[in-house]
Protein backbone atom coordinates (compact mmCIF):
# COMPACT_ATOMS: atom_id res chain seq x y z
CA MET A 1 86.63 79.32 84.60
CA LYS A 2 84.68 77.55 82.40
CA LYS A 3 88.36 76.21 81.34
CA VAL A 4 89.39 75.16 84.65
CA LEU A 5 86.14 73.13 85.78
CA ILE A 6 86.40 71.32 82.11
CA LEU A 7 90.59 70.35 82.61
CA ILE A 8 89.37 68.87 86.42
CA PHE A 9 87.03 67.23 84.83
CA ILE A 10 89.01 65.53 82.39
CA LEU A 11 91.49 65.03 84.90
CA ILE A 12 89.76 63.15 87.35
CA LEU A 13 87.91 61.09 83.89
CA THR A 14 91.80 59.91 82.90
CA LEU A 15 92.52 59.28 87.00
CA PHE A 16 89.29 57.19 86.86
CA MET A 17 90.19 55.36 83.67
CA VAL A 18 93.83 54.74 85.02
CA PHE A 19 92.76 53.15 88.38
CA CYS A 20 90.44 50.84 86.14
CA THR A 21 92.63 49.85 83.86
CA GLN A 22 95.02 48.78 87.35
CA LYS A 23 92.45 46.76 88.47
CA SER A 24 91.91 45.20 85.74
CA THR A 25 91.31 41.60 87.71
CA SER A 26 88.72 40.93 89.72
CA ILE A 27 88.11 38.43 92.47
CA ASP A 28 84.21 37.80 93.99
CA ILE A 29 83.28 36.43 97.03
CA ALA A 30 80.46 35.65 98.88
CA GLY A 31 79.17 34.00 101.74
CA SER A 32 79.47 33.33 105.58
CA THR A 33 78.93 36.34 107.42
CA THR A 34 81.18 34.52 109.79
CA VAL A 35 84.63 34.15 107.71
CA LEU A 36 83.65 37.69 105.60
CA PRO A 37 85.06 39.87 108.22
CA ILE A 38 88.28 37.53 108.04
CA VAL A 39 87.96 37.75 104.67
CA GLN A 40 87.59 41.59 103.71
CA ALA A 41 90.29 42.08 105.82
CA ILE A 42 92.97 39.97 104.30
CA ALA A 43 91.38 41.29 100.67
CA GLU A 44 91.98 45.14 101.55
CA ILE A 45 95.94 43.88 102.92
CA PHE A 46 96.07 41.80 99.73
CA MET A 47 94.40 44.49 97.19
CA ASP A 48 97.96 47.02 99.13
CA LEU A 49 100.26 44.44 98.02
CA ASN A 50 98.24 43.03 94.30
CA PRO A 51 96.69 46.73 93.04
CA GLU A 52 96.23 45.80 89.56
CA ILE A 53 93.46 42.89 91.45
CA ASN A 54 90.38 44.01 92.72
CA VAL A 55 88.40 41.59 95.30
CA SER A 56 84.82 42.02 96.17
CA VAL A 57 84.21 40.33 99.44
CA ARG A 58 79.66 40.06 100.69
CA GLY A 59 77.53 37.97 102.84
CA GLY A 60 74.35 35.90 101.97
CA GLY A 61 75.32 32.84 104.30
CA SER A 62 76.73 30.35 104.26
CA SER A 63 74.56 28.10 101.76
CA ILE A 64 75.00 31.33 99.44
CA GLY A 65 78.27 30.70 99.08
CA ILE A 66 78.73 27.35 98.45
CA LYS A 67 75.74 27.57 95.93
CA SER A 68 77.36 30.18 94.54
CA ALA A 69 80.27 28.31 93.56
CA ILE A 70 79.22 25.13 93.30
CA ASP A 71 76.94 27.20 90.09
CA GLU A 72 80.69 29.74 89.31
CA THR A 73 78.46 32.72 89.53
CA ILE A 74 81.63 33.74 92.04
CA ASP A 75 84.92 32.67 92.54
CA ILE A 76 85.50 31.91 96.12
CA GLY A 77 82.31 30.88 99.23
CA ASN A 78 82.83 31.27 102.58
CA SER A 79 81.44 28.29 104.61
CA SER A 80 81.08 28.28 108.36
CA ARG A 81 80.05 24.66 107.59
CA GLU A 82 80.81 21.64 105.95
CA ILE A 83 79.41 20.72 102.61
CA LYS A 84 76.00 19.30 102.48
CA ASP A 85 75.27 15.32 101.37
CA ASN A 86 72.40 17.39 98.80
CA GLU A 87 74.78 20.09 97.69
CA ILE A 88 77.59 16.77 96.81
CA GLU A 89 74.35 15.09 94.97
CA ILE A 90 74.29 19.01 93.16
CA LEU A 91 78.25 18.50 92.31
CA GLN A 92 78.14 15.24 90.90
CA GLU A 93 75.03 15.35 88.84
CA LYS A 94 77.03 18.96 87.36
CA ASN A 95 79.75 16.27 86.61
CA LYS A 96 82.09 19.16 89.50
CA GLU A 97 84.30 19.38 92.42
CA LEU A 98 84.91 22.21 94.79
CA LYS A 99 88.13 22.32 96.89
CA LYS A 100 87.57 22.64 99.98
CA ILE A 101 90.66 25.35 102.28
CA ALA A 102 89.97 25.52 106.42
CA ILE A 103 91.08 28.92 107.07
CA ALA A 104 91.14 29.48 110.64
CA GLN A 105 89.12 27.77 113.14
CA ASP A 106 86.29 29.05 115.25
CA ALA A 107 83.89 28.35 118.58
CA ILE A 108 80.54 29.64 118.74
CA THR A 109 80.01 31.51 121.29
CA MET A 110 76.97 32.38 123.56
CA ILE A 111 76.80 35.47 124.25
CA VAL A 112 73.97 37.67 126.47
CA HIS A 113 72.39 40.90 128.05
CA LYS A 114 75.48 42.58 129.87
CA SER A 115 72.73 42.60 132.75
CA ASN A 116 72.63 38.52 132.88
CA LYS A 117 74.14 36.69 135.57
CA ILE A 118 74.63 33.41 134.37
CA LYS A 119 77.81 32.58 133.66
CA ASN A 120 77.32 29.19 132.72
CA LEU A 121 75.05 26.95 130.98
CA SER A 122 75.38 22.94 129.99
CA ILE A 123 74.22 22.24 126.64
CA VAL A 124 71.14 19.92 128.45
CA GLN A 125 69.93 23.42 129.44
CA LEU A 126 70.71 25.23 126.21
CA LYS A 127 68.76 22.57 124.38
CA LYS A 128 65.74 23.81 127.35
CA ILE A 129 65.93 27.77 126.39
CA TYR A 130 66.12 27.22 121.96
CA SER A 131 63.49 24.36 122.03
CA GLY A 132 60.92 25.85 124.77
CA LYS A 133 61.56 24.30 127.68
CA ILE A 134 63.19 26.55 129.53
CA THR A 135 61.08 30.02 129.48
CA ASN A 136 62.85 32.37 131.92
CA TRP A 137 66.22 33.14 133.98
CA LYS A 138 65.06 32.36 137.24
CA GLU A 139 64.70 28.75 136.38
CA LEU A 140 68.48 29.01 136.61
CA GLY A 141 69.05 30.67 138.84
CA GLY A 142 69.01 33.49 137.27
CA ASN A 143 66.83 36.76 137.36
CA ASN A 144 62.89 36.85 137.04
CA LYS A 145 62.84 37.68 133.10
CA ASN A 146 61.25 36.19 129.76
CA ILE A 147 64.83 34.77 127.52
CA ILE A 148 64.14 36.02 124.49
CA VAL A 149 65.69 33.30 122.09
CA ILE A 150 67.49 34.50 118.91
CA SER A 151 68.63 32.22 116.40
CA ARG A 152 70.50 32.49 113.25
CA ASP A 153 68.05 31.68 109.65
CA VAL A 154 68.01 28.23 108.25
CA SER A 155 70.49 29.64 105.21
CA SER A 156 73.39 29.96 108.37
CA GLY A 157 75.81 27.44 108.79
CA SER A 158 76.43 29.02 112.00
CA PHE A 159 72.70 27.36 112.48
CA GLU A 160 73.79 24.66 110.62
CA VAL A 161 76.46 23.66 112.75
CA PHE A 162 74.13 25.03 116.21
CA TYR A 163 71.41 22.72 115.14
CA GLU A 164 73.62 19.81 115.46
CA LYS A 165 75.52 19.87 117.90
CA ALA A 166 73.66 21.72 120.35
CA LEU A 167 69.90 21.29 119.90
CA LYS A 168 70.72 17.38 119.04
CA ASN A 169 68.70 18.23 115.53
CA SER A 170 65.47 18.50 118.14
CA LYS A 171 62.91 21.52 117.07
CA LEU A 172 63.59 24.99 117.55
CA LEU A 173 60.60 27.07 119.29
CA THR A 174 58.24 28.54 117.53
CA ASN A 175 58.69 32.48 118.28
CA CYS A 176 62.45 32.59 117.89
CA MET A 177 63.99 35.26 116.27
CA MET A 178 65.80 34.61 113.70
CA LEU A 179 68.43 36.54 112.38
CA ALA A 180 70.06 37.39 109.20
CA SER A 181 74.04 37.79 109.98
CA ASN A 182 75.99 37.99 113.15
CA ASN A 183 75.74 41.38 113.28
CA ALA A 184 71.79 41.19 113.36
CA VAL A 185 72.90 38.97 116.40
CA ALA A 186 75.44 40.89 118.75
CA GLY A 187 73.71 44.32 118.13
CA THR A 188 69.94 43.43 119.19
CA VAL A 189 71.78 41.29 122.44
CA SER A 190 73.47 43.94 123.23
CA TYR A 191 70.24 46.17 123.59
CA THR A 192 67.68 43.37 124.97
CA PRO A 193 68.00 42.12 128.57
CA GLY A 194 66.77 38.05 128.94
CA ALA A 195 67.67 38.03 125.11
CA ILE A 196 70.66 34.74 124.06
CA GLY A 197 72.24 34.73 121.30
CA TYR A 198 74.94 32.45 118.99
CA VAL A 199 77.60 34.57 116.72
CA GLY A 200 81.32 33.68 115.69
CA ARG A 201 83.62 34.48 118.17
CA GLY A 202 84.84 37.58 116.15
CA TYR A 203 81.74 38.59 117.46
CA ALA A 204 81.52 38.54 120.50
CA ASN A 205 82.92 42.18 122.99
CA GLN A 206 82.81 44.12 125.39
CA LYS A 207 78.47 44.64 125.29
CA HIS A 208 77.59 41.13 126.08
CA ASN A 209 78.17 38.95 128.38
CA ILE A 210 80.21 35.66 127.14
CA LEU A 211 79.10 32.29 128.31
CA SER A 212 80.90 29.07 128.80
CA LEU A 213 79.02 26.24 127.88
CA GLU A 214 79.87 22.96 130.36
CA ASN A 215 82.13 24.91 132.48
CA ILE A 216 84.34 26.39 129.51
CA SER A 217 84.96 28.72 127.96
CA PRO A 218 85.62 29.82 123.71
CA THR A 219 89.28 30.61 124.25
CA THR A 220 92.00 30.13 121.43
CA LYS A 221 93.55 27.06 123.90
CA ASN A 222 89.84 25.08 124.29
CA VAL A 223 89.01 25.66 120.37
CA LEU A 224 92.81 24.56 118.90
CA ASN A 225 92.15 21.08 121.93
CA LYS A 226 88.81 21.15 120.34
CA THR A 227 86.84 21.02 124.42
CA TYR A 228 84.25 23.97 123.93
CA PRO A 229 81.79 21.92 122.70
CA LEU A 230 80.34 24.05 119.84
CA SER A 231 84.36 24.63 118.75
CA ARG A 232 84.48 24.17 114.07
CA LYS A 233 86.79 25.01 111.39
CA LEU A 234 85.57 28.04 108.56
CA PHE A 235 86.04 27.40 105.18
CA ILE A 236 86.40 29.01 101.78
CA PHE A 237 85.01 26.95 98.69
CA THR A 238 86.52 26.88 95.21
CA THR A 239 86.60 25.00 91.84
CA GLU A 240 89.33 23.24 91.01
CA GLN A 241 89.83 25.17 87.34
CA ASN A 242 91.20 28.45 89.51
CA LYS A 243 92.33 31.90 88.66
CA LYS A 244 95.81 32.21 88.61
CA THR A 245 94.76 34.98 90.80
CA VAL A 246 92.63 33.21 92.99
CA ASP A 247 95.23 31.12 94.15
CA MET A 248 97.79 33.49 94.97
CA PHE A 249 94.63 34.24 97.26
CA ILE A 250 94.51 31.59 98.51
CA ASN A 251 97.82 31.37 99.42
CA PHE A 252 97.80 34.17 101.21
CA VAL A 253 95.11 33.27 102.65
CA LEU A 254 97.02 30.76 104.20
CA SER A 255 100.22 32.47 104.26
CA GLU A 256 101.51 33.81 107.91
CA LYS A 257 100.59 36.57 107.18
CA GLY A 258 96.60 35.77 106.51
CA GLN A 259 96.38 33.44 109.80
CA GLU A 260 98.06 37.21 111.63
CA ILE A 261 95.17 38.86 109.98
CA VAL A 262 92.44 35.72 111.55
CA GLU A 263 93.64 36.28 115.03
CA LYS A 264 93.21 39.70 114.93
CA GLN A 265 89.69 40.01 113.71
CA GLY A 266 89.27 37.16 116.99
CA TYR A 267 89.57 33.78 114.95
CA VAL A 268 91.90 31.07 115.87
CA LYS A 269 94.22 30.59 113.18
CA ILE A 270 94.46 26.93 111.42
CA VAL A 271 97.02 24.75 112.55
CA ASN A 272 96.33 21.79 110.15
CA ASN A 273 94.00 22.15 107.05
C-alpha cells in the first residue's frame, strides 16, 4: 500500500511539473471590474487555444489598472475610462508611452430594486438624487420610501464617467454608500428596497429594474448610436514594447470570436477603435 501511495505521489508531481512547463509564458492583467468579466471569459478561450500561455486576470479598479500598466507590474491594464491628465504626466516623467485599445462599448446602467415602480429618470433628477436634493421616491412619483444611494468608489472608472456625465462634477451626497465593485453594487441593489445604483451593462439582470434615462434605454442600438446619455467605451492599456504573447491576446480580443464573447457578456462589440 505504501509503494502504491508513493507511485501516486510521483505521478501527481510529474503531471504538475508537466503542466507548469507547458504554462511557461504568462500574461498578467488587472484593473476595471466592468471590463473584468469580458477579459476573464476571453482569457479562458484564449488559454484553451494556446495551452502554453497562462492568463491571470483580476480586478482592482481602472485607476489600479492604468497605474500598474504604467509601472509595468502587469502586462495589460483594464479601464472603463480614458486616461487622465495626471496619468499622462506620470508617463511623460517616466519617458513612457501606453497603447490604448478600445475593446467594447458599454452603457453605465442605472438599476433599482425590483419592487420600485419608477421606470425613467432625467439626468437632472439623477443628479438631484446623487447630490441629496431628492431623498424619497415619492418625490418622483414612486413609493413613500427613502432613497438609498449607492455609488462605485473613487478608484473606479465607472465613478469617473458617472461623476462627469451624470453629476456634472457636482458634489456627491455625504452618506452615499461607496462600493468597490460592480458585483457589490448589483448585489446590494437586488436585496435593498429603496436602493439605486449604477453598473456596467453586463451586470444588470432580472434581479433589478433597469431604468431608462431621458426616456432612452441602455440597448445595443442606443449605445451604438450614442443616444443613451451614459454610453462609453471600455479599454485595455499596455506598453508599446509588448511581449509577443500580449499582442496575440489583444488580437484575439479584437477578433470576431473575441467580440462574440464581448456580446455574450452583455456588452456591445466595438465598431471603431
